[in-house]
Amino acid sequence: MNTQGQIEAAICEGMTRFEQEYMGRGPTGIHAHLIGDLLVIRLQGVLTAAEQQLVKSLSPERGRDLLKQVRIQLIETARPVLEKLVQDVTGVSMVSLHHDISTVTGEELVIFTLSQRPALRDGSRKQAV
């Protein structure tokens, strides 16, 4: 059994690896937050150079929509990998996955709904009196 901080750190490591392997580039920043049965991951700086050029070269709406469609397809294709990551780290299964990305800020949000709240070990250290 892990602490909440250990789970969040392991998810960050796994998501960074996933981004590097599947998207070709890791995030410049990443934070995970376990809130009950929700696991929220915020990734910053995830747009590749090619994605940035695509967004700039087309109309803002067309570039945004095209990029989001591609990212959604990639996430759905890799869903089994993400489900395994979540299961391995939290010890509970994933019920659903929600994803969005901003072409303006380069920020990506991934939210996993878990089947239940993961069992957590208390991370506080007891001091000798």
Protein backbone atom coordinates (compact mmCIF):
# COMPACT_ATOMS: atom_id res chain seq x y z
CA MET A 1 0.00 0.00 0.00
CA ASN A 2 1.38 3.41 -1.00
CA THR A 3 0.79 6.94 0.21
CA GLN A 4 -1.17 9.39 -1.89
CA GLY A 5 2.06 11.20 -2.75
CA GLN A 6 3.72 7.98 -3.91
CA ILE A 7 0.75 7.16 -6.16
CA GLU A 8 0.74 10.66 -7.64
CA ALA A 9 4.51 10.54 -8.26
CA ALA A 10 4.30 7.09 -9.91
CA ILE A 11 1.46 8.28 -12.16
CA CYS A 12 3.55 11.31 -13.17
CA GLU A 13 6.49 9.06 -14.05
CA GLY A 14 4.28 6.68 -16.04
CA MET A 15 2.48 9.46 -17.90
CA THR A 16 5.79 11.13 -18.75
CA ARG A 17 7.07 7.84 -20.17
CA PHE A 18 3.81 7.39 -22.09
CA GLU A 19 4.05 10.88 -23.61
CA GLN A 20 7.67 10.28 -24.64
CA GLU A 21 6.98 6.87 -26.21
CA TYR A 22 3.57 7.49 -27.81
CA MET A 23 3.64 11.21 -28.58
CA GLY A 24 7.36 11.63 -29.22
CA ARG A 25 7.89 14.24 -26.54
CA GLY A 26 7.58 14.41 -22.78
CA PRO A 27 5.89 17.24 -20.91
CA THR A 28 7.84 20.19 -19.52
CA GLY A 29 5.73 19.96 -16.36
CA ILE A 30 3.36 17.40 -14.87
CA HIS A 31 1.22 17.16 -11.75
CA ALA A 32 -1.14 14.39 -10.63
CA HIS A 33 -3.89 14.80 -8.07
CA LEU A 34 -5.75 11.89 -6.52
CA ILE A 35 -9.12 13.15 -5.31
CA GLY A 36 -11.22 10.28 -3.98
CA ASP A 37 -11.93 8.08 -6.99
CA LEU A 38 -10.69 10.69 -9.50
CA LEU A 39 -7.14 10.88 -10.78
CA VAL A 40 -6.43 14.21 -12.48
CA ILE A 41 -3.21 14.72 -14.44
CA ARG A 42 -2.14 18.12 -15.75
CA LEU A 43 0.66 18.06 -18.33
CA GLN A 44 2.31 21.24 -19.57
CA GLY A 45 4.37 21.82 -22.69
CA VAL A 46 3.21 18.70 -24.55
CA LEU A 47 2.78 20.03 -28.09
CA THR A 48 5.41 18.78 -30.52
CA ALA A 49 7.07 21.17 -32.97
CA ALA A 50 5.00 19.63 -35.79
CA GLU A 51 1.76 20.14 -33.83
CA GLN A 52 2.67 23.76 -33.12
CA GLN A 53 3.33 24.38 -36.83
CA LEU A 54 0.06 22.70 -37.79
CA VAL A 55 -1.91 24.93 -35.44
CA LYS A 56 -0.14 28.07 -36.75
CA SER A 57 -0.50 27.19 -40.44
CA LEU A 58 -4.27 26.65 -40.44
CA SER A 59 -7.12 28.82 -39.24
CA PRO A 60 -7.26 28.76 -35.43
CA GLU A 61 -10.46 26.68 -35.31
CA ARG A 62 -9.36 24.20 -38.00
CA GLY A 63 -5.90 23.72 -36.46
CA ARG A 64 -7.34 23.26 -32.99
CA ASP A 65 -10.00 20.81 -34.13
CA LEU A 66 -7.56 18.75 -36.21
CA LEU A 67 -5.02 18.54 -33.38
CA LYS A 68 -7.68 17.54 -30.85
CA GLN A 69 -9.02 14.83 -33.19
CA VAL A 70 -5.54 13.35 -33.63
CA ARG A 71 -4.77 13.45 -29.89
CA ILE A 72 -8.13 11.87 -29.01
CA GLN A 73 -7.47 9.05 -31.48
CA LEU A 74 -3.97 8.47 -30.08
CA ILE A 75 -5.26 8.39 -26.50
CA GLU A 76 -8.07 5.98 -27.41
CA THR A 77 -5.63 3.72 -29.27
CA ALA A 78 -3.33 3.67 -26.25
CA ARG A 79 -6.17 3.26 -23.74
CA PRO A 80 -5.13 -0.30 -22.72
CA VAL A 81 -1.64 0.99 -21.86
CA LEU A 82 -3.11 3.79 -19.73
CA GLU A 83 -5.57 1.41 -18.04
CA LYS A 84 -2.69 -0.90 -17.09
CA LEU A 85 -0.65 2.03 -15.75
CA VAL A 86 -3.54 3.18 -13.56
CA GLN A 87 -4.31 -0.37 -12.35
CA ASP A 88 -0.66 -1.11 -11.55
CA VAL A 89 -0.11 2.14 -9.65
CA THR A 90 -3.42 2.55 -7.81
CA GLY A 91 -4.45 -1.07 -7.39
CA VAL A 92 -7.96 -0.33 -8.71
CA SER A 93 -9.46 -0.47 -12.18
CA MET A 94 -10.26 2.49 -14.39
CA VAL A 95 -13.92 3.16 -15.22
CA SER A 96 -13.50 6.03 -17.67
CA LEU A 97 -10.95 8.35 -19.22
CA HIS A 98 -11.47 12.00 -20.14
CA HIS A 99 -8.98 14.04 -22.13
CA ASP A 100 -8.53 17.57 -23.47
CA ILE A 101 -5.65 19.66 -24.79
CA SER A 102 -5.22 23.39 -25.34
CA THR A 103 -3.55 24.54 -28.54
CA VAL A 104 -3.09 27.97 -26.96
CA THR A 105 -1.26 26.99 -23.76
CA GLY A 106 0.05 23.53 -24.72
CA GLU A 107 -1.58 22.15 -21.58
CA GLU A 108 -3.20 18.73 -21.53
CA LEU A 109 -5.60 17.31 -18.95
CA VAL A 110 -6.24 13.61 -18.47
CA ILE A 111 -8.83 12.54 -15.92
CA PHE A 112 -9.35 8.93 -14.89
CA THR A 113 -12.46 7.85 -13.03
CA LEU A 114 -11.55 4.86 -10.86
CA SER A 115 -13.83 2.04 -9.78
CA GLN A 116 -13.23 3.02 -6.17
CA ARG A 117 -10.98 5.12 -4.00
CA PRO A 118 -7.52 3.50 -3.79
CA ALA A 119 -6.41 2.19 -0.41
CA LEU A 120 -3.79 4.57 0.96
CA ARG A 121 -1.12 4.28 3.58
CA ASP A 122 -0.86 7.21 5.96
CA GLY A 123 2.18 9.19 4.89
CA SER A 124 2.72 11.04 8.17
CA ARG A 125 5.77 10.10 10.20
CA LYS A 126 5.33 9.50 13.89
CA GLN A 127 7.93 11.21 15.99
CA ALA A 128 9.38 9.64 19.13
CA VAL A 129 8.44 11.48 22.30
